[in-house]
Amino acid sequence: MKIVIIGSKGFIGSHALQYFLSKTGYECWGCDVLVDYVDEHYFLIDSTNSDFNEVFESSDFDVCINCSGAANVYDSLIHPLRDFTLNTFNVIKLLEAIRKHNPSCKFVNISSAAVYGNPSVLPVNEKADLQPVSPYGYHKLQAENICEEFHRFYKLQTCSVRIFSAYGNGLKKQLFWDVAQKLLNNDKVVLFGTGNESRDFIHINDIAKAIELVITKGLFNAAYYNVANGEEITTRDAAEKLQSLLGYHNRLTFNGEVRKGDPLNWRGDVTALKALGYSKSVSIDEGLNYYVQWLREEKLG
C-alpha cells in the first residue's frame, strides 16, 4: 500500500510516518513545508501558496493522510483567516488535486473533537450535534463537510477521524507541555480553568494504530470515527500525575477562568472504532512516563 502523509513534519504526521515506515506492506511518502535534504520520498510544499497537484501527478497513491493544519484553539480566535487557510482551504485544495490526478486514492482527514464543542451528553458519539465553540472547531467541521461534498459529487473515498486529546513524546504545546515548562521555572504554577474540566487523552502511538485500522477496515463514504479511549480524566488529576512524575509536589493551582474556545468536558464514544479492532495499548500513566523520559532526554523538563 502506497501512502502519502501531508504534514509529515508535525506531531501526528511525524509519528504516523514512522509508524507506517516500521510496518511491512507500506511504502510511505512525506509532505510538508519544511525542507528535507535527506528523505528521497518527500514532497516540499510552498508554505505561501500550497499546491498539491505535483504530489498526485507524480505517483498513484492508495491513501492520503492529511495531518496538516494548525492545532491551536487560542490562536484561531486571534487569526481566524490563517486557521481557515490551514485547516479548511488546504483540504479542498488536496481533494481537488486528488479528484483531477488520483481519484482512486482514499483520503483520511485528521479532524478534531473540537467539532462537538460542549456535548450535552457524555460519552459523545459521532451522531451528536456539532456545535463548535471556537473558530478552530468550525474550520475542522467545514473540512469534514468538504470531505462529504467530494464524496457525494465526485465519488472520492473520504473519511474523517475526530482526534480527542492527543499527547506524547515530541508535543511542545497543550496541557502537559505547559505544566512541565511552568514547573521547571516556577515555585507556584497557575493554570487556566477550575481543574474540573475533563479530557479523553489518547497517546500518539494509539492514534497511529487507530489510523491504520480506519485505513484497512473503515468506511470511506464520508464516514466519521472518534479516536479516543472512552475515558475521562480531569485536568487537575492529569496535571498532578505529571507533576508527581517530574518530582514536584503541591505547586499547581487553577485560576477559575476557562479560556474562550476551550470545551469543558470530553469523553468519546469509541464503539465504532472498537468495532474495527481498536484497543488501548498505552495507559495515561505509561504515556506520561514516556513523556517525562523524553523531556529529560531532551533536557526540557
C-alpha atoms as a PDB file:
ATOM      1  CA  MET A   1       0.000   0.000   0.000  1.00  0.00           C
ATOM      2  CA  LYS A   2       1.394   3.373  -1.038  1.00  0.00           C
ATOM      3  CA  ILE A   3       0.683   6.178   1.449  1.00  0.00           C
ATOM      4  CA  VAL A   4       1.420   9.906   1.395  1.00  0.00           C
ATOM      5  CA  ILE A   5       1.215  11.837   4.661  1.00  0.00           C
ATOM      6  CA  ILE A   6       0.542  15.557   4.312  1.00  0.00           C
ATOM      7  CA  GLY A   7       2.017  17.442   7.275  1.00  0.00           C
ATOM      8  CA  SER A   8       4.611  14.754   7.933  1.00  0.00           C
ATOM      9  CA  LYS A   9       6.818  17.099   9.974  1.00  0.00           C
ATOM     10  CA  GLY A  10       4.110  17.829  12.547  1.00  0.00           C
ATOM     11  CA  PHE A  11       3.305  15.938  15.733  1.00  0.00           C
ATOM     12  CA  ILE A  12       0.709  13.475  14.433  1.00  0.00           C
ATOM     13  CA  GLY A  13       2.166  13.367  10.928  1.00  0.00           C
ATOM     14  CA  SER A  14       5.725  12.559  12.003  1.00  0.00           C
ATOM     15  CA  HIS A  15       4.587   9.766  14.312  1.00  0.00           C
ATOM     16  CA  ALA A  16       2.268   8.360  11.645  1.00  0.00           C
ATOM     17  CA  LEU A  17       5.126   8.393   9.131  1.00  0.00           C
ATOM     18  CA  GLN A  18       7.441   6.497  11.473  1.00  0.00           C
ATOM     19  CA  TYR A  19       4.659   4.060  12.350  1.00  0.00           C
ATOM     20  CA  PHE A  20       3.928   3.099   8.756  1.00  0.00           C
ATOM     21  CA  LEU A  21       7.622   3.006   7.845  1.00  0.00           C
ATOM     22  CA  SER A  22       8.124   0.467  10.648  1.00  0.00           C
ATOM     23  CA  LYS A  23       5.402  -1.821   9.272  1.00  0.00           C
ATOM     24  CA  THR A  24       5.733  -4.210   6.367  1.00  0.00           C
ATOM     25  CA  GLY A  25       3.474  -3.764   3.376  1.00  0.00           C
ATOM     26  CA  TYR A  26       3.605   0.027   3.242  1.00  0.00           C
ATOM     27  CA  GLU A  27       5.504   2.431   1.009  1.00  0.00           C
ATOM     28  CA  CYS A  28       5.319   5.804   2.693  1.00  0.00           C
ATOM     29  CA  TRP A  29       5.988   9.345   1.476  1.00  0.00           C
ATOM     30  CA  GLY A  30       6.096  12.548   3.498  1.00  0.00           C
ATOM     31  CA  CYS A  31       4.947  16.014   2.504  1.00  0.00           C
ATOM     32  CA  ASP A  32       5.332  19.313   4.340  1.00  0.00           C
ATOM     33  CA  VAL A  33       6.545  22.914   4.141  1.00  0.00           C
ATOM     34  CA  LEU A  34       9.907  22.247   5.832  1.00  0.00           C
ATOM     35  CA  VAL A  35      12.959  21.457   3.716  1.00  0.00           C
ATOM     36  CA  ASP A  36      14.256  17.882   3.952  1.00  0.00           C
ATOM     37  CA  TYR A  37      17.535  17.191   2.137  1.00  0.00           C
ATOM     38  CA  VAL A  38      17.732  13.549   3.240  1.00  0.00           C
ATOM     39  CA  ASP A  39      14.415  11.828   2.573  1.00  0.00           C
ATOM     40  CA  GLU A  40      14.015  10.991  -1.109  1.00  0.00           C
ATOM     41  CA  HIS A  41      10.369  10.060  -0.511  1.00  0.00           C
ATOM     42  CA  TYR A  42       9.377  13.605   0.380  1.00  0.00           C
ATOM     43  CA  PHE A  43       7.432  16.429  -1.266  1.00  0.00           C
ATOM     44  CA  LEU A  44       8.214  20.037  -0.352  1.00  0.00           C
ATOM     45  CA  ILE A  45       5.197  22.364  -0.382  1.00  0.00           C
ATOM     46  CA  ASP A  46       5.407  26.144  -0.685  1.00  0.00           C
ATOM     47  CA  SER A  47       4.031  27.470   2.598  1.00  0.00           C
ATOM     48  CA  THR A  48       2.939  30.737   0.964  1.00  0.00           C
ATOM     49  CA  ASN A  49       0.964  29.093  -1.849  1.00  0.00           C
ATOM     50  CA  SER A  50       0.382  25.410  -1.214  1.00  0.00           C
ATOM     51  CA  ASP A  51      -0.145  23.411  -4.404  1.00  0.00           C
ATOM     52  CA  PHE A  52      -0.687  19.665  -4.144  1.00  0.00           C
ATOM     53  CA  ASN A  53      -1.062  18.876  -7.835  1.00  0.00           C
ATOM     54  CA  GLU A  54       2.556  17.754  -8.181  1.00  0.00           C
ATOM     55  CA  VAL A  55       2.120  15.233  -5.367  1.00  0.00           C
ATOM     56  CA  PHE A  56      -0.705  13.394  -7.087  1.00  0.00           C
ATOM     57  CA  GLU A  57       0.568  13.914 -10.637  1.00  0.00           C
ATOM     58  CA  SER A  58       3.872  12.248  -9.803  1.00  0.00           C
ATOM     59  CA  SER A  59       2.539   8.965  -8.484  1.00  0.00           C
ATOM     60  CA  ASP A  60      -0.621   6.988  -7.792  1.00  0.00           C
ATOM     61  CA  PHE A  61      -1.174   6.744  -4.056  1.00  0.00           C
ATOM     62  CA  ASP A  62      -3.551   4.310  -2.407  1.00  0.00           C
ATOM     63  CA  VAL A  63      -4.061   6.517   0.663  1.00  0.00           C
ATOM     64  CA  CYS A  64      -3.527  10.175   1.566  1.00  0.00           C
ATOM     65  CA  ILE A  65      -3.497  11.025   5.291  1.00  0.00           C
ATOM     66  CA  ASN A  66      -3.955  14.733   5.871  1.00  0.00           C
ATOM     67  CA  CYS A  67      -2.192  15.626   9.121  1.00  0.00           C
ATOM     68  CA  SER A  68      -1.506  19.199   8.044  1.00  0.00           C
ATOM     69  CA  GLY A  69      -3.028  22.317   9.547  1.00  0.00           C
ATOM     70  CA  ALA A  70      -2.981  24.377  12.714  1.00  0.00           C
ATOM     71  CA  ALA A  71      -3.914  22.949  16.104  1.00  0.00           C
ATOM     72  CA  ASN A  72      -4.174  25.993  18.315  1.00  0.00           C
ATOM     73  CA  VAL A  73      -7.618  26.960  19.537  1.00  0.00           C
ATOM     74  CA  TYR A  74      -6.483  30.228  21.133  1.00  0.00           C
ATOM     75  CA  ASP A  75      -4.621  31.331  18.011  1.00  0.00           C
ATOM     76  CA  SER A  76      -7.688  30.599  15.868  1.00  0.00           C
ATOM     77  CA  LEU A  77      -9.563  33.258  17.836  1.00  0.00           C
ATOM     78  CA  ILE A  78      -6.843  35.806  17.069  1.00  0.00           C
ATOM     79  CA  HIS A  79      -6.055  34.764  13.486  1.00  0.00           C
ATOM     80  CA  PRO A  80      -9.210  33.110  12.083  1.00  0.00           C
ATOM     81  CA  LEU A  81      -8.206  33.573   8.431  1.00  0.00           C
ATOM     82  CA  ARG A  82      -4.890  31.810   8.961  1.00  0.00           C
ATOM     83  CA  ASP A  83      -6.632  28.985  10.782  1.00  0.00           C
ATOM     84  CA  PHE A  84      -9.204  28.677   7.984  1.00  0.00           C
ATOM     85  CA  THR A  85      -6.482  28.590   5.338  1.00  0.00           C
ATOM     86  CA  LEU A  86      -4.531  25.845   7.080  1.00  0.00           C
ATOM     87  CA  ASN A  87      -7.425  23.723   8.336  1.00  0.00           C
ATOM     88  CA  THR A  88     -10.100  24.176   5.678  1.00  0.00           C
ATOM     89  CA  PHE A  89      -8.863  25.731   2.446  1.00  0.00           C
ATOM     90  CA  ASN A  90      -5.943  23.314   2.162  1.00  0.00           C
ATOM     91  CA  VAL A  91      -8.368  20.374   2.451  1.00  0.00           C
ATOM     92  CA  ILE A  92     -10.332  21.426  -0.629  1.00  0.00           C
ATOM     93  CA  LYS A  93      -7.046  22.011  -2.487  1.00  0.00           C
ATOM     94  CA  LEU A  94      -5.921  18.495  -1.573  1.00  0.00           C
ATOM     95  CA  LEU A  95      -9.192  16.885  -2.617  1.00  0.00           C
ATOM     96  CA  GLU A  96      -9.267  18.824  -5.875  1.00  0.00           C
ATOM     97  CA  ALA A  97      -5.753  17.569  -6.692  1.00  0.00           C
ATOM     98  CA  ILE A  98      -6.837  14.004  -5.885  1.00  0.00           C
ATOM     99  CA  ARG A  99     -10.007  14.400  -7.970  1.00  0.00           C
ATOM    100  CA  LYS A 100      -8.018  15.537 -11.001  1.00  0.00           C
ATOM    101  CA  HIS A 101      -4.988  13.252 -10.805  1.00  0.00           C
ATOM    102  CA  ASN A 102      -5.534  10.304  -8.429  1.00  0.00           C
ATOM    103  CA  PRO A 103      -9.296   9.739  -7.903  1.00  0.00           C
ATOM    104  CA  SER A 104      -8.860   6.194  -6.562  1.00  0.00           C
ATOM    105  CA  CYS A 105      -6.826   7.475  -3.597  1.00  0.00           C
ATOM    106  CA  LYS A 106      -8.500   7.142  -0.200  1.00  0.00           C
ATOM    107  CA  PHE A 107      -8.444  10.365   1.828  1.00  0.00           C
ATOM    108  CA  VAL A 108      -8.131  10.315   5.627  1.00  0.00           C
ATOM    109  CA  ASN A 109      -8.874  13.733   7.096  1.00  0.00           C
ATOM    110  CA  ILE A 110      -7.468  14.336  10.573  1.00  0.00           C
ATOM    111  CA  SER A 111     -10.285  16.188  12.288  1.00  0.00           C
ATOM    112  CA  SER A 112     -10.867  17.014  15.941  1.00  0.00           C
ATOM    113  CA  ALA A 113     -13.279  16.533  18.807  1.00  0.00           C
ATOM    114  CA  ALA A 114     -13.491  20.333  18.721  1.00  0.00           C
ATOM    115  CA  VAL A 115     -16.338  19.887  16.211  1.00  0.00           C
ATOM    116  CA  TYR A 116     -18.527  18.806  19.162  1.00  0.00           C
ATOM    117  CA  GLY A 117     -17.923  21.891  21.303  1.00  0.00           C
ATOM    118  CA  ASN A 118     -19.517  21.220  24.694  1.00  0.00           C
ATOM    119  CA  PRO A 119     -21.502  17.977  24.277  1.00  0.00           C
ATOM    120  CA  SER A 120     -24.796  17.795  26.140  1.00  0.00           C
ATOM    121  CA  VAL A 121     -24.302  14.075  26.788  1.00  0.00           C
ATOM    122  CA  LEU A 122     -21.183  12.045  27.516  1.00  0.00           C
ATOM    123  CA  PRO A 123     -19.766   9.939  26.051  1.00  0.00           C
ATOM    124  CA  VAL A 124     -20.294  11.806  22.811  1.00  0.00           C
ATOM    125  CA  ASN A 125     -20.826   9.692  19.710  1.00  0.00           C
ATOM    126  CA  GLU A 126     -20.363  10.500  16.035  1.00  0.00           C
ATOM    127  CA  LYS A 127     -24.070  11.319  15.562  1.00  0.00           C
ATOM    128  CA  ALA A 128     -24.154  14.016  18.243  1.00  0.00           C
ATOM    129  CA  ASP A 129     -24.992  17.638  17.455  1.00  0.00           C
ATOM    130  CA  LEU A 130     -21.976  19.588  16.249  1.00  0.00           C
ATOM    131  CA  GLN A 131     -21.692  22.960  17.971  1.00  0.00           C
ATOM    132  CA  PRO A 132     -18.064  24.173  17.945  1.00  0.00           C
ATOM    133  CA  VAL A 133     -17.031  26.820  20.471  1.00  0.00           C
ATOM    134  CA  SER A 134     -14.001  28.136  18.564  1.00  0.00           C
ATOM    135  CA  PRO A 135     -13.045  29.112  15.010  1.00  0.00           C
ATOM    136  CA  TYR A 136     -10.725  26.098  15.055  1.00  0.00           C
ATOM    137  CA  GLY A 137     -13.685  23.797  15.703  1.00  0.00           C
ATOM    138  CA  TYR A 138     -15.746  25.445  12.966  1.00  0.00           C
ATOM    139  CA  HIS A 139     -12.913  25.140  10.462  1.00  0.00           C
ATOM    140  CA  LYS A 140     -12.424  21.461  11.278  1.00  0.00           C
ATOM    141  CA  LEU A 141     -16.166  20.940  10.776  1.00  0.00           C
ATOM    142  CA  GLN A 142     -16.062  22.778   7.458  1.00  0.00           C
ATOM    143  CA  ALA A 143     -13.210  20.489   6.362  1.00  0.00           C
ATOM    144  CA  GLU A 144     -15.382  17.483   7.210  1.00  0.00           C
ATOM    145  CA  ASN A 145     -18.193  18.968   5.127  1.00  0.00           C
ATOM    146  CA  ILE A 146     -15.789  19.352   2.209  1.00  0.00           C
ATOM    147  CA  CYS A 147     -14.891  15.662   2.508  1.00  0.00           C
ATOM    148  CA  GLU A 148     -18.601  14.845   2.347  1.00  0.00           C
ATOM    149  CA  GLU A 149     -19.008  17.145  -0.668  1.00  0.00           C
ATOM    150  CA  PHE A 150     -16.243  15.446  -2.647  1.00  0.00           C
ATOM    151  CA  HIS A 151     -17.593  12.022  -1.801  1.00  0.00           C
ATOM    152  CA  ARG A 152     -21.151  12.936  -2.763  1.00  0.00           C
ATOM    153  CA  PHE A 153     -20.464  14.768  -6.005  1.00  0.00           C
ATOM    154  CA  TYR A 154     -17.191  13.208  -7.204  1.00  0.00           C
ATOM    155  CA  LYS A 155     -17.302   9.759  -5.560  1.00  0.00           C
ATOM    156  CA  LEU A 156     -13.967  10.237  -3.811  1.00  0.00           C
ATOM    157  CA  GLN A 157     -13.312   7.885  -0.903  1.00  0.00           C
ATOM    158  CA  THR A 158     -13.135  10.133   2.162  1.00  0.00           C
ATOM    159  CA  CYS A 159     -13.186   9.647   5.900  1.00  0.00           C
ATOM    160  CA  SER A 160     -12.647  11.941   8.893  1.00  0.00           C
ATOM    161  CA  VAL A 161     -11.140  10.867  12.206  1.00  0.00           C
ATOM    162  CA  ARG A 162     -12.012  13.067  15.174  1.00  0.00           C
ATOM    163  CA  ILE A 163      -8.968  13.056  17.443  1.00  0.00           C
ATOM    164  CA  PHE A 164      -9.675  13.827  21.080  1.00  0.00           C
ATOM    165  CA  SER A 165      -6.835  14.935  23.391  1.00  0.00           C
ATOM    166  CA  ALA A 166      -3.643  13.747  21.729  1.00  0.00           C
ATOM    167  CA  TYR A 167      -0.399  13.642  23.697  1.00  0.00           C
ATOM    168  CA  GLY A 168       3.003  12.018  23.584  1.00  0.00           C
ATOM    169  CA  ASN A 169       6.705  12.495  23.003  1.00  0.00           C
ATOM    170  CA  GLY A 170       7.519  15.498  20.847  1.00  0.00           C
ATOM    171  CA  LEU A 171       4.405  17.546  21.615  1.00  0.00           C
ATOM    172  CA  LYS A 172       5.512  21.022  22.678  1.00  0.00           C
ATOM    173  CA  LYS A 173       2.141  22.563  23.438  1.00  0.00           C
ATOM    174  CA  GLN A 174      -1.112  21.991  25.322  1.00  0.00           C
ATOM    175  CA  LEU A 175      -1.607  20.836  28.913  1.00  0.00           C
ATOM    176  CA  PHE A 176       1.352  18.561  29.615  1.00  0.00           C
ATOM    177  CA  TRP A 177       3.945  20.731  27.894  1.00  0.00           C
ATOM    178  CA  ASP A 178       2.536  23.815  29.613  1.00  0.00           C
ATOM    179  CA  VAL A 179       2.648  22.159  33.037  1.00  0.00           C
ATOM    180  CA  ALA A 180       6.174  20.786  32.561  1.00  0.00           C
ATOM    181  CA  GLN A 181       7.645  24.099  31.439  1.00  0.00           C
ATOM    182  CA  LYS A 182       5.943  26.090  34.189  1.00  0.00           C
ATOM    183  CA  LEU A 183       7.040  23.625  36.879  1.00  0.00           C
ATOM    184  CA  LEU A 184      10.600  23.863  35.637  1.00  0.00           C
ATOM    185  CA  ASN A 185      10.723  27.608  36.147  1.00  0.00           C
ATOM    186  CA  ASN A 186       8.290  28.420  38.964  1.00  0.00           C
ATOM    187  CA  ASP A 187       7.658  27.511  42.592  1.00  0.00           C
ATOM    188  CA  LYS A 188       3.943  28.072  42.102  1.00  0.00           C
ATOM    189  CA  VAL A 189       2.125  27.277  38.871  1.00  0.00           C
ATOM    190  CA  VAL A 190      -1.238  28.791  37.954  1.00  0.00           C
ATOM    191  CA  LEU A 191      -3.235  27.033  35.227  1.00  0.00           C
ATOM    192  CA  PHE A 192      -6.381  28.111  33.427  1.00  0.00           C
ATOM    193  CA  GLY A 193      -9.729  26.634  34.439  1.00  0.00           C
ATOM    194  CA  THR A 194     -11.059  25.126  37.637  1.00  0.00           C
ATOM    195  CA  GLY A 195      -9.245  21.801  37.344  1.00  0.00           C
ATOM    196  CA  ASN A 196     -12.603  20.044  36.987  1.00  0.00           C
ATOM    197  CA  GLU A 197     -12.566  20.269  33.197  1.00  0.00           C
ATOM    198  CA  SER A 198     -12.015  16.828  31.706  1.00  0.00           C
ATOM    199  CA  ARG A 199     -10.393  15.318  28.646  1.00  0.00           C
ATOM    200  CA  ASP A 200     -10.211  11.951  26.911  1.00  0.00           C
ATOM    201  CA  PHE A 201      -6.470  11.547  26.385  1.00  0.00           C
ATOM    202  CA  ILE A 202      -5.093   9.227  23.727  1.00  0.00           C
ATOM    203  CA  HIS A 203      -1.391   8.543  23.234  1.00  0.00           C
ATOM    204  CA  ILE A 204       0.132   9.215  19.835  1.00  0.00           C
ATOM    205  CA  ASN A 205       1.082   5.534  19.438  1.00  0.00           C
ATOM    206  CA  ASP A 206      -2.570   4.564  19.761  1.00  0.00           C
ATOM    207  CA  ILE A 207      -3.589   7.315  17.339  1.00  0.00           C
ATOM    208  CA  ALA A 208      -1.277   5.851  14.693  1.00  0.00           C
ATOM    209  CA  LYS A 209      -2.745   2.379  15.253  1.00  0.00           C
ATOM    210  CA  ALA A 210      -6.281   3.763  15.037  1.00  0.00           C
ATOM    211  CA  ILE A 211      -5.490   5.454  11.723  1.00  0.00           C
ATOM    212  CA  GLU A 212      -4.215   2.158  10.328  1.00  0.00           C
ATOM    213  CA  LEU A 213      -7.412   0.411  11.411  1.00  0.00           C
ATOM    214  CA  VAL A 214      -9.522   3.053   9.705  1.00  0.00           C
ATOM    215  CA  ILE A 215      -7.481   2.741   6.506  1.00  0.00           C
ATOM    216  CA  THR A 216      -7.696  -1.045   6.382  1.00  0.00           C
ATOM    217  CA  LYS A 217     -11.175  -1.669   7.826  1.00  0.00           C
ATOM    218  CA  GLY A 218     -13.083   1.592   7.942  1.00  0.00           C
ATOM    219  CA  LEU A 219     -15.757   3.069   5.693  1.00  0.00           C
ATOM    220  CA  PHE A 220     -14.797   5.731   3.155  1.00  0.00           C
ATOM    221  CA  ASN A 221     -18.238   7.083   2.377  1.00  0.00           C
ATOM    222  CA  ALA A 222     -17.552  10.404   4.163  1.00  0.00           C
ATOM    223  CA  ALA A 223     -17.692   8.461   7.448  1.00  0.00           C
ATOM    224  CA  TYR A 224     -16.582   9.801  10.841  1.00  0.00           C
ATOM    225  CA  TYR A 225     -14.711   7.994  13.611  1.00  0.00           C
ATOM    226  CA  ASN A 226     -13.974   9.160  17.146  1.00  0.00           C
ATOM    227  CA  VAL A 227     -10.332   8.461  18.012  1.00  0.00           C
ATOM    228  CA  ALA A 228     -10.157   8.364  21.793  1.00  0.00           C
ATOM    229  CA  ASN A 229     -10.158   5.845  24.646  1.00  0.00           C
ATOM    230  CA  GLY A 230     -13.610   6.480  26.084  1.00  0.00           C
ATOM    231  CA  GLU A 231     -12.000   7.509  29.377  1.00  0.00           C
ATOM    232  CA  GLU A 232     -12.454  10.811  31.177  1.00  0.00           C
ATOM    233  CA  ILE A 233      -9.856  12.394  33.469  1.00  0.00           C
ATOM    234  CA  THR A 234      -9.941  15.872  34.990  1.00  0.00           C
ATOM    235  CA  THR A 235      -7.259  18.340  34.024  1.00  0.00           C
ATOM    236  CA  ARG A 236      -6.340  18.580  37.728  1.00  0.00           C
ATOM    237  CA  ASP A 237      -5.749  14.834  38.032  1.00  0.00           C
ATOM    238  CA  ALA A 238      -3.836  14.716  34.746  1.00  0.00           C
ATOM    239  CA  ALA A 239      -1.639  17.684  35.674  1.00  0.00           C
ATOM    240  CA  GLU A 240      -0.968  16.282  39.147  1.00  0.00           C
ATOM    241  CA  LYS A 241       0.086  12.932  37.651  1.00  0.00           C
ATOM    242  CA  LEU A 242       2.675  14.713  35.554  1.00  0.00           C
ATOM    243  CA  GLN A 243       3.751  16.892  38.471  1.00  0.00           C
ATOM    244  CA  SER A 244       4.399  13.801  40.585  1.00  0.00           C
ATOM    245  CA  LEU A 245       6.371  12.065  37.836  1.00  0.00           C
ATOM    246  CA  LEU A 246       8.556  15.147  37.465  1.00  0.00           C
ATOM    247  CA  GLY A 247       9.309  15.063  41.197  1.00  0.00           C
ATOM    248  CA  TYR A 248       7.368  18.171  42.211  1.00  0.00           C
ATOM    249  CA  HIS A 249       4.576  18.468  44.772  1.00  0.00           C
ATOM    250  CA  ASN A 250       1.866  20.987  45.705  1.00  0.00           C
ATOM    251  CA  ARG A 251       2.807  23.584  43.120  1.00  0.00           C
ATOM    252  CA  LEU A 252      -0.342  23.565  40.965  1.00  0.00           C
ATOM    253  CA  THR A 253      -3.298  25.916  41.326  1.00  0.00           C
ATOM    254  CA  PHE A 254      -6.135  26.871  38.964  1.00  0.00           C
ATOM    255  CA  ASN A 255      -7.335  30.426  38.367  1.00  0.00           C
ATOM    256  CA  GLY A 256     -11.001  29.509  37.795  1.00  0.00           C
ATOM    257  CA  GLU A 257     -11.051  31.184  34.368  1.00  0.00           C
ATOM    258  CA  VAL A 258     -11.993  28.976  31.439  1.00  0.00           C
ATOM    259  CA  ARG A 259     -10.262  30.256  28.327  1.00  0.00           C
ATOM    260  CA  LYS A 260     -12.517  31.280  25.469  1.00  0.00           C
ATOM    261  CA  GLY A 261     -12.805  28.460  22.952  1.00  0.00           C
ATOM    262  CA  ASP A 262     -11.908  25.696  25.396  1.00  0.00           C
ATOM    263  CA  PRO A 263     -14.546  22.965  25.892  1.00  0.00           C
ATOM    264  CA  LEU A 264     -15.466  21.880  29.411  1.00  0.00           C
ATOM    265  CA  ASN A 265     -15.804  18.101  29.398  1.00  0.00           C
ATOM    266  CA  TRP A 266     -14.935  15.436  26.866  1.00  0.00           C
ATOM    267  CA  ARG A 267     -15.310  11.686  26.726  1.00  0.00           C
ATOM    268  CA  GLY A 268     -15.653   9.969  23.389  1.00  0.00           C
ATOM    269  CA  ASP A 269     -17.877   7.057  22.495  1.00  0.00           C
ATOM    270  CA  VAL A 270     -15.447   4.725  20.703  1.00  0.00           C
ATOM    271  CA  THR A 271     -17.889   1.945  19.818  1.00  0.00           C
ATOM    272  CA  ALA A 272     -17.297   2.446  16.085  1.00  0.00           C
ATOM    273  CA  LEU A 273     -13.513   2.440  16.463  1.00  0.00           C
ATOM    274  CA  LYS A 274     -13.556  -0.656  18.656  1.00  0.00           C
ATOM    275  CA  ALA A 275     -15.671  -2.398  16.012  1.00  0.00           C
ATOM    276  CA  LEU A 276     -12.658  -2.041  13.719  1.00  0.00           C
ATOM    277  CA  GLY A 277     -10.498  -3.808  16.308  1.00  0.00           C
ATOM    278  CA  TYR A 278      -9.145  -0.915  18.368  1.00  0.00           C
ATOM    279  CA  SER A 279      -7.953  -1.420  21.926  1.00  0.00           C
ATOM    280  CA  LYS A 280      -5.797   0.888  24.022  1.00  0.00           C
ATOM    281  CA  SER A 281      -2.129  -0.068  24.268  1.00  0.00           C
ATOM    282  CA  VAL A 282      -0.788   2.931  26.240  1.00  0.00           C
ATOM    283  CA  SER A 283      -2.398   3.954  29.544  1.00  0.00           C
ATOM    284  CA  ILE A 284      -2.254   7.553  30.740  1.00  0.00           C
ATOM    285  CA  ASP A 285       0.298   6.580  33.401  1.00  0.00           C
ATOM    286  CA  GLU A 286       2.504   4.794  30.862  1.00  0.00           C
ATOM    287  CA  GLY A 287       2.160   7.607  28.359  1.00  0.00           C
ATOM    288  CA  LEU A 288       3.141  10.258  30.895  1.00  0.00           C
ATOM    289  CA  ASN A 289       6.129   8.168  31.960  1.00  0.00           C
ATOM    290  CA  TYR A 290       7.271   8.099  28.327  1.00  0.00           C
ATOM    291  CA  TYR A 291       6.682  11.842  28.100  1.00  0.00           C
ATOM    292  CA  VAL A 292       8.795  12.554  31.181  1.00  0.00           C
ATOM    293  CA  GLN A 293      11.597  10.349  29.857  1.00  0.00           C
ATOM    294  CA  TRP A 294      11.517  12.295  26.593  1.00  0.00           C
ATOM    295  CA  LEU A 295      11.563  15.649  28.419  1.00  0.00           C
ATOM    296  CA  ARG A 296      14.610  14.590  30.395  1.00  0.00           C
ATOM    297  CA  GLU A 297      16.429  13.151  27.382  1.00  0.00           C
ATOM    298  CA  GLU A 298      15.848  16.429  25.545  1.00  0.00           C
ATOM    299  CA  LYS A 299      16.680  18.427  28.709  1.00  0.00           C
ATOM    300  CA  LEU A 300      13.268  20.068  28.533  1.00  0.00           C
ATOM    301  CA  GLY A 301      11.972  19.164  31.968  1.00  0.00           C
END
